[in-house]
């Protein structure tokens, strides 16, 4: 189950995007070009379809702050915002399209909503009911159990999308947690572990511990336990020590890299839903970063799980198994950010034919053109 195509119109940095998506997608580009915003299109659909979500709440999310903030500044004659995805599920290909805008009466309303299963149109709005009662257009059919019955597998798939960008300090200081379940920044990461069935949790931590022993010196064992006084869960790691049982440390003593890698490995062992990652290379040694693409390949081979990640790391792209059709290159232009697969860029294809490594080619295209000007800064 995965996304196979993404089309955007007037979404944040992007005036227009239309790209095919593979089992792995590496999103690269300079700072502030829209890597996070592109991933947010999938998160937005998840927020619309998910329990307790909906269009109004997804729009009002503090990270989005309304239609005005979402609509691209490069929008021209068609100023509405549109997202369309093609999805491959067990029962075939689905297409979901959502266009929305705002007017003086409503902060947001559905301008267009369409669901297709193969060549069959399952839903197309506005419909007769919407014309009789325009207030119905303040909600999508996707979010309504009474209306999405015919395409509920699609709604459930979109709601299952997982996003991860762990902030280690939030893991160490759960008091900062705002109460959001499955917080993508790690605020309830330890609670997620605690809520997992004990047998499953122990099996996963055993696998993760074996992997971490390669990257984290002297780490021998991982376990989760609750503080008897407060009930707060703590992740414990046992390190080699000359005194038996003296090497236990909690997550408070773990390095940023250890916590990020641990959360990444845990997320890879979860369900088959698409996984969105932002800069998974942060705080990790280059030798570890270079292994991430192989880990993702093994994940897809064993679990069929699609992973889309943004990155600034050339080390991550050094894996010779990465194809140009898996790399999505974002480039700022005067007409908004463009998004093209590296395999569709003729200069990239030509350089690859000449034997230049993909990582070198992409690094040159995604680097800011005037970075050397930073040397002119005077403290």
Protein backbone atom coordinates (compact mmCIF):
# COMPACT_ATOMS: atom_id res chain seq x y z
CA UNK A 1 0.00 0.00 0.00
CA UNK A 2 1.59 3.24 -1.11
CA UNK A 3 1.30 6.60 -2.81
CA UNK A 4 2.18 6.42 -6.50
CA UNK A 5 1.61 10.02 -7.58
CA UNK A 6 1.34 13.49 -6.08
CA UNK A 7 -0.14 16.54 -7.76
CA UNK A 8 -0.21 19.97 -6.09
CA UNK A 9 -1.60 23.31 -7.18
CA UNK A 10 -0.87 26.51 -5.25
CA UNK A 11 0.31 24.58 -2.19
CA UNK A 12 2.76 26.63 -0.13
CA UNK A 13 6.04 27.03 -2.11
CA UNK A 14 4.64 25.20 -5.10
CA UNK A 15 2.55 26.64 -7.88
CA UNK A 16 2.39 23.26 -9.61
CA UNK A 17 3.76 19.78 -8.87
CA UNK A 18 3.09 16.50 -10.65
CA UNK A 19 5.43 13.63 -9.78
CA UNK A 20 5.42 9.85 -9.68
CA UNK A 21 6.42 8.27 -6.38
CA UNK A 22 8.31 5.05 -5.81
CA UNK A 23 8.76 2.81 -2.80
CA UNK A 24 11.52 5.11 -1.57
CA UNK A 25 11.56 8.85 -2.18
CA UNK A 26 14.58 10.99 -1.26
CA UNK A 27 13.61 14.68 -1.27
CA UNK A 28 16.57 17.04 -1.67
CA UNK A 29 17.06 20.75 -2.21
CA UNK A 30 18.48 23.92 -0.61
CA UNK A 31 17.23 25.40 2.64
CA UNK A 32 13.70 26.86 2.60
CA UNK A 33 12.86 25.40 -0.81
CA UNK A 34 9.84 23.46 0.48
CA UNK A 35 10.98 19.96 1.49
CA UNK A 36 8.95 20.06 4.71
CA UNK A 37 6.03 21.69 2.90
CA UNK A 38 5.94 18.91 0.31
CA UNK A 39 5.83 16.25 3.04
CA UNK A 40 3.13 18.28 4.77
CA UNK A 41 0.76 17.66 1.85
CA UNK A 42 0.60 14.01 2.94
CA UNK A 43 0.32 15.01 6.60
CA UNK A 44 -2.51 17.36 5.70
CA UNK A 45 -4.55 14.56 4.10
CA UNK A 46 -3.84 12.42 7.15
CA UNK A 47 -5.14 15.19 9.41
CA UNK A 48 -8.30 15.54 7.31
CA UNK A 49 -9.03 11.80 7.29
CA UNK A 50 -7.86 10.88 10.80
CA UNK A 51 -10.01 10.43 13.92
CA UNK A 52 -10.90 13.77 15.47
CA UNK A 53 -9.57 15.56 12.41
CA UNK A 54 -11.34 17.14 9.48
CA UNK A 55 -10.74 19.92 6.99
CA UNK A 56 -11.31 22.85 9.34
CA UNK A 57 -9.00 21.46 12.01
CA UNK A 58 -6.30 20.52 9.50
CA UNK A 59 -6.39 24.04 8.06
CA UNK A 60 -6.29 25.67 11.50
CA UNK A 61 -3.30 23.59 12.65
CA UNK A 62 -0.70 25.98 14.14
CA UNK A 63 1.79 24.77 11.54
CA UNK A 64 -0.58 25.91 8.74
CA UNK A 65 -2.65 28.80 10.19
CA UNK A 66 -5.37 29.01 7.59
CA UNK A 67 -5.90 28.99 3.84
CA UNK A 68 -4.15 32.31 3.38
CA UNK A 69 -0.90 30.84 4.73
CA UNK A 70 -1.25 27.65 2.67
CA UNK A 71 -2.01 29.30 -0.66
CA UNK A 72 1.12 29.85 -2.72
CA UNK A 73 2.24 33.43 -3.19
CA UNK A 74 2.89 32.44 -6.81
CA UNK A 75 -0.78 31.59 -7.44
CA UNK A 76 -2.19 33.20 -10.59
CA UNK A 77 -5.59 32.92 -12.24
CA UNK A 78 -6.55 29.74 -10.32
CA UNK A 79 -6.03 30.74 -6.72
CA UNK A 80 -7.61 27.71 -5.04
CA UNK A 81 -5.39 25.11 -3.37
CA UNK A 82 -5.51 21.55 -4.72
CA UNK A 83 -3.99 18.26 -3.62
CA UNK A 84 -4.38 15.06 -5.59
CA UNK A 85 -2.85 11.68 -4.78
CA UNK A 86 -2.91 8.32 -6.48
CA UNK A 87 -2.75 5.38 -4.10
CA UNK A 88 -2.15 1.70 -4.73
CA UNK A 89 -4.13 -0.45 -2.30
CA UNK A 90 -4.85 -4.17 -2.17
CA UNK A 91 -8.01 -3.68 -4.24
CA UNK A 92 -6.46 -1.54 -6.96
CA UNK A 93 -5.69 2.11 -7.72
CA UNK A 94 -7.49 4.97 -5.98
CA UNK A 95 -7.33 8.67 -6.76
CA UNK A 96 -8.33 11.35 -4.29
CA UNK A 97 -8.58 15.03 -5.26
CA UNK A 98 -9.34 17.91 -2.92
CA UNK A 99 -9.54 21.57 -3.87
CA UNK A 100 -10.38 24.20 -1.28
CA UNK A 101 -10.48 27.95 -0.86
CA UNK A 102 -11.96 30.61 1.43
CA UNK A 103 -14.51 33.37 1.10
CA UNK A 104 -15.83 36.21 3.23
CA UNK A 105 -18.32 33.98 5.02
CA UNK A 106 -16.20 30.89 5.61
CA UNK A 107 -12.58 30.36 6.53
CA UNK A 108 -12.48 27.29 4.31
CA UNK A 109 -14.82 25.46 1.97
CA UNK A 110 -14.50 22.54 -0.43
CA UNK A 111 -14.32 23.79 -3.98
CA UNK A 112 -13.83 20.34 -5.48
CA UNK A 113 -13.64 16.80 -4.12
CA UNK A 114 -13.38 13.67 -6.22
CA UNK A 115 -12.72 10.00 -5.51
CA UNK A 116 -12.02 7.45 -8.24
CA UNK A 117 -11.43 3.72 -7.98
CA UNK A 118 -9.72 2.76 -11.20
CA UNK A 119 -11.92 4.32 -13.89
CA UNK A 120 -15.02 4.42 -11.68
CA UNK A 121 -16.03 7.75 -10.14
CA UNK A 122 -17.09 7.06 -6.55
CA UNK A 123 -17.67 10.68 -5.51
CA UNK A 124 -17.71 14.05 -7.18
CA UNK A 125 -18.47 17.33 -5.42
CA UNK A 126 -20.09 19.79 -5.37
CA UNK A 127 -23.16 17.61 -5.84
CA UNK A 128 -26.88 18.30 -5.65
CA UNK A 129 -26.88 18.17 -1.86
CA UNK A 130 -24.07 20.73 -1.68
CA UNK A 131 -25.94 23.09 -3.98
CA UNK A 132 -29.02 22.88 -1.78
CA UNK A 133 -27.04 23.36 1.43
CA UNK A 134 -23.68 25.14 0.82
CA UNK A 135 -22.68 24.67 4.47
CA UNK A 136 -22.01 21.02 3.64
CA UNK A 137 -18.96 22.26 1.75
CA UNK A 138 -17.26 23.19 5.01
CA UNK A 139 -16.49 19.47 5.42
CA UNK A 140 -14.97 16.86 3.15
CA UNK A 141 -16.70 13.55 2.50
CA UNK A 142 -13.38 11.95 3.41
CA UNK A 143 -13.79 12.86 7.07
CA UNK A 144 -17.44 11.80 7.38
CA UNK A 145 -18.13 8.18 8.30
CA UNK A 146 -21.64 8.48 6.89
CA UNK A 147 -20.29 9.51 3.46
CA UNK A 148 -16.99 7.66 3.04
CA UNK A 149 -18.34 4.11 3.31
CA UNK A 150 -17.76 3.37 -0.40
CA UNK A 151 -14.13 4.46 -0.19
CA UNK A 152 -13.32 3.83 3.46
CA UNK A 153 -10.17 1.78 2.68
CA UNK A 154 -8.76 4.92 1.07
CA UNK A 155 -9.75 7.07 4.07
CA UNK A 156 -8.17 4.59 6.48
CA UNK A 157 -4.98 4.49 4.41
CA UNK A 158 -4.63 8.28 4.41
CA UNK A 159 -5.32 8.40 8.15
CA UNK A 160 -2.55 5.86 8.78
CA UNK A 161 0.31 7.97 7.38
CA UNK A 162 3.13 8.28 9.95
CA UNK A 163 5.42 11.31 10.28
CA UNK A 164 8.59 11.39 12.39
CA UNK A 165 11.02 14.17 13.24
CA UNK A 166 12.18 13.43 16.78
CA UNK A 167 13.46 16.26 18.98
CA UNK A 168 15.63 14.44 21.57
CA UNK A 169 15.02 17.02 24.28
CA UNK A 170 11.26 16.30 24.16
CA UNK A 171 12.00 12.61 24.76
CA UNK A 172 14.17 13.48 27.74
CA UNK A 173 11.72 16.02 29.17
CA UNK A 174 8.18 14.60 28.83
CA UNK A 175 6.83 17.48 30.95
CA UNK A 176 7.04 19.58 27.77
CA UNK A 177 4.65 17.19 26.06
CA UNK A 178 1.36 18.85 25.08
CA UNK A 179 -0.81 15.74 25.21
CA UNK A 180 -0.90 14.97 21.49
CA UNK A 181 -1.00 11.23 20.85
CA UNK A 182 1.74 9.84 18.59
CA UNK A 183 3.55 13.15 18.70
CA UNK A 184 5.89 13.18 15.65
CA UNK A 185 8.49 15.14 17.62
CA UNK A 186 8.84 12.51 20.33
CA UNK A 187 6.89 14.10 23.18
CA UNK A 188 5.09 10.83 23.92
CA UNK A 189 7.63 8.45 22.39
CA UNK A 190 8.22 6.60 25.64
CA UNK A 191 4.48 6.36 26.23
CA UNK A 192 4.12 4.87 22.74
CA UNK A 193 6.61 2.20 23.76
CA UNK A 194 4.77 1.63 27.04
CA UNK A 195 1.39 1.28 25.28
CA UNK A 196 2.78 -1.40 22.96
CA UNK A 197 2.00 -5.00 23.86
CA UNK A 198 4.75 -6.21 26.18
CA UNK A 199 5.74 -9.18 24.03
CA UNK A 200 5.92 -7.03 20.90
CA UNK A 201 7.82 -4.29 22.72
CA UNK A 202 10.45 -6.67 24.07
CA UNK A 203 10.92 -8.27 20.65
CA UNK A 204 11.35 -4.87 18.99
CA UNK A 205 13.74 -3.57 21.64
CA UNK A 206 15.82 -6.72 21.26
CA UNK A 207 16.13 -6.11 17.51
CA UNK A 208 16.85 -2.43 18.03
CA UNK A 209 19.43 -3.20 20.70
CA UNK A 210 21.26 -5.53 18.32
CA UNK A 211 21.36 -2.77 15.70
CA UNK A 212 22.38 -0.06 18.16
CA UNK A 213 25.32 -2.13 19.39
CA UNK A 214 26.89 -1.48 15.99
CA UNK A 215 26.47 2.29 16.17
CA UNK A 216 26.63 2.95 19.93
CA UNK A 217 29.80 1.71 21.69
CA UNK A 218 29.36 -0.61 24.68
CA UNK A 219 25.52 -0.67 24.60
CA UNK A 220 24.43 -4.20 25.49
CA UNK A 221 20.72 -4.17 26.34
CA UNK A 222 17.55 -2.07 26.17
CA UNK A 223 14.45 -2.26 28.33
CA UNK A 224 11.49 -0.10 29.34
CA UNK A 225 10.43 0.34 32.94
CA UNK A 226 8.12 2.67 34.86
CA UNK A 227 9.12 4.86 37.77
CA UNK A 228 7.41 3.35 40.82
CA UNK A 229 6.69 6.76 42.32
CA UNK A 230 5.43 8.71 39.30
CA UNK A 231 4.49 5.98 36.83
CA UNK A 232 6.60 7.70 34.17
CA UNK A 233 8.11 5.27 31.63
CA UNK A 234 11.87 5.32 31.16
CA UNK A 235 13.97 3.69 28.48
CA UNK A 236 16.97 2.02 30.06
CA UNK A 237 20.18 1.01 28.35
CA UNK A 238 22.84 -1.21 29.89
CA UNK A 239 26.39 -0.35 28.92
CA UNK A 240 29.48 -2.47 29.48
CA UNK A 241 30.95 -1.77 32.90
CA UNK A 242 33.55 -3.43 35.09
CA UNK A 243 30.93 -3.79 37.84
CA UNK A 244 27.91 -6.02 37.07
CA UNK A 245 24.59 -4.14 36.71
CA UNK A 246 26.35 -0.79 37.19
CA UNK A 247 26.12 0.36 33.61
CA UNK A 248 22.39 1.17 33.38
CA UNK A 249 21.47 4.63 32.03
CA UNK A 250 18.09 6.17 31.25
CA UNK A 251 17.09 8.16 28.17
CA UNK A 252 18.16 11.28 30.02
CA UNK A 253 21.78 10.22 29.54
CA UNK A 254 21.40 9.04 25.93
CA UNK A 255 23.03 11.14 23.22
CA UNK A 256 20.92 12.96 20.62
CA UNK A 257 22.15 10.55 17.96
CA UNK A 258 21.22 7.49 20.04
CA UNK A 259 17.68 8.78 20.64
CA UNK A 260 17.15 9.73 17.00
CA UNK A 261 18.43 6.39 15.72
CA UNK A 262 16.41 4.49 18.28
CA UNK A 263 13.21 6.30 17.29
CA UNK A 264 13.97 5.72 13.61
CA UNK A 265 14.50 1.99 14.14
CA UNK A 266 11.30 1.75 16.20
CA UNK A 267 9.29 3.50 13.49
CA UNK A 268 10.67 1.12 10.86
CA UNK A 269 9.28 -1.81 12.83
CA UNK A 270 5.76 -0.40 12.99
CA UNK A 271 2.84 -1.00 10.61
CA UNK A 272 2.90 -0.91 6.81
CA UNK A 273 1.60 2.66 6.51
CA UNK A 274 3.75 5.18 4.60
CA UNK A 275 6.45 6.75 6.75
CA UNK A 276 7.54 10.39 6.36
CA UNK A 277 10.97 11.30 7.74
CA UNK A 278 12.62 14.71 8.03
CA UNK A 279 16.41 14.77 7.94
CA UNK A 280 16.97 11.38 9.63
CA UNK A 281 20.72 11.96 9.34
CA UNK A 282 20.76 14.61 12.10
CA UNK A 283 23.25 13.83 14.92
CA UNK A 284 24.32 10.56 13.28
CA UNK A 285 27.80 9.55 12.17
CA UNK A 286 28.27 9.53 8.36
CA UNK A 287 28.93 5.79 8.39
CA UNK A 288 25.55 5.24 10.01
CA UNK A 289 23.84 7.68 7.63
CA UNK A 290 25.17 5.77 4.62
CA UNK A 291 23.39 2.64 5.82
CA UNK A 292 19.94 4.25 6.08
CA UNK A 293 18.97 3.68 2.41
CA UNK A 294 19.82 -0.03 2.72
CA UNK A 295 17.72 -0.25 5.87
CA UNK A 296 14.82 1.33 4.01
CA UNK A 297 15.25 -1.11 1.13
CA UNK A 298 15.12 -4.06 3.53
CA UNK A 299 12.06 -2.56 5.19
CA UNK A 300 10.22 -2.34 1.90
CA UNK A 301 11.27 -5.82 0.85
CA UNK A 302 10.05 -7.39 4.10
CA UNK A 303 7.07 -5.18 4.95
CA UNK A 304 6.20 -3.37 1.73
CA UNK A 305 6.38 -0.03 3.55
CA UNK A 306 6.89 3.17 1.57
CA UNK A 307 9.28 5.75 3.02
CA UNK A 308 9.61 9.38 1.92
CA UNK A 309 12.35 11.43 3.51
CA UNK A 310 13.90 14.86 3.19
CA UNK A 311 17.64 15.28 3.52
CA UNK A 312 20.61 17.62 3.11
CA UNK A 313 23.10 14.76 3.43
CA UNK A 314 25.35 13.73 0.54
CA UNK A 315 26.43 10.75 2.66
CA UNK A 316 22.89 9.39 2.56
CA UNK A 317 22.92 9.41 -1.26
CA UNK A 318 26.25 7.58 -1.53
CA UNK A 319 24.46 4.22 -1.62
CA UNK A 320 24.89 2.91 -5.18
CA UNK A 321 21.51 1.20 -4.90
CA UNK A 322 19.67 4.55 -5.05
CA UNK A 323 18.28 5.24 -8.51
CA UNK A 324 17.74 8.66 -10.07
CA UNK A 325 14.03 7.84 -10.26
CA UNK A 326 13.97 7.74 -6.43
CA UNK A 327 15.40 11.23 -5.90
CA UNK A 328 13.02 14.20 -5.99
CA UNK A 329 14.93 17.43 -6.61
CA UNK A 330 13.42 20.71 -5.41
CA UNK A 331 14.71 23.93 -6.93
CA UNK A 332 13.50 27.48 -6.17
CA UNK A 333 12.48 29.51 -9.23
CA UNK A 334 10.86 32.90 -9.81
CA UNK A 335 7.58 31.03 -10.34
CA UNK A 336 7.70 28.91 -7.21
CA UNK A 337 9.66 25.79 -6.31
CA UNK A 338 9.89 23.12 -8.97
CA UNK A 339 9.85 19.42 -8.04
CA UNK A 340 11.27 16.94 -10.53
CA UNK A 341 12.64 13.44 -10.31
CA UNK A 342 16.37 13.37 -10.97
CA UNK A 343 15.74 10.80 -13.72
CA UNK A 344 13.74 13.41 -15.67
CA UNK A 345 16.49 16.06 -15.55
CA UNK A 346 18.61 15.73 -18.69
CA UNK A 347 21.77 17.30 -17.19
CA UNK A 348 21.59 14.84 -14.30
CA UNK A 349 21.07 11.87 -16.61
CA UNK A 350 24.01 12.95 -18.77
CA UNK A 351 26.37 13.32 -15.80
CA UNK A 352 25.34 9.90 -14.48
CA UNK A 353 26.14 8.41 -17.90
CA UNK A 354 29.58 9.98 -17.64
CA UNK A 355 30.16 8.08 -14.41
CA UNK A 356 29.71 10.92 -11.94
CA UNK A 357 28.23 9.57 -8.66
CA UNK A 358 24.59 10.45 -7.99
CA UNK A 359 25.49 12.01 -4.62
CA UNK A 360 27.95 14.39 -6.30
CA UNK A 361 25.47 15.36 -9.01
CA UNK A 362 22.64 16.02 -6.58
CA UNK A 363 24.84 17.91 -4.11
CA UNK A 364 25.84 20.31 -6.88
CA UNK A 365 22.21 20.92 -7.92
CA UNK A 366 20.80 21.32 -4.43
CA UNK A 367 23.49 23.58 -2.98
CA UNK A 368 22.69 27.31 -2.68
CA UNK A 369 24.42 29.09 -5.53
CA UNK A 370 25.89 31.92 -3.45
CA UNK A 371 26.90 30.06 -0.27
CA UNK A 372 30.40 31.54 -0.53
CA UNK A 373 28.90 34.95 0.19
CA UNK A 374 28.54 33.86 3.81
CA UNK A 375 32.27 34.46 4.17
CA UNK A 376 31.59 38.17 3.79
CA UNK A 377 29.76 38.21 7.11
CA UNK A 378 31.68 40.22 9.70
CA UNK A 379 31.03 39.51 13.42
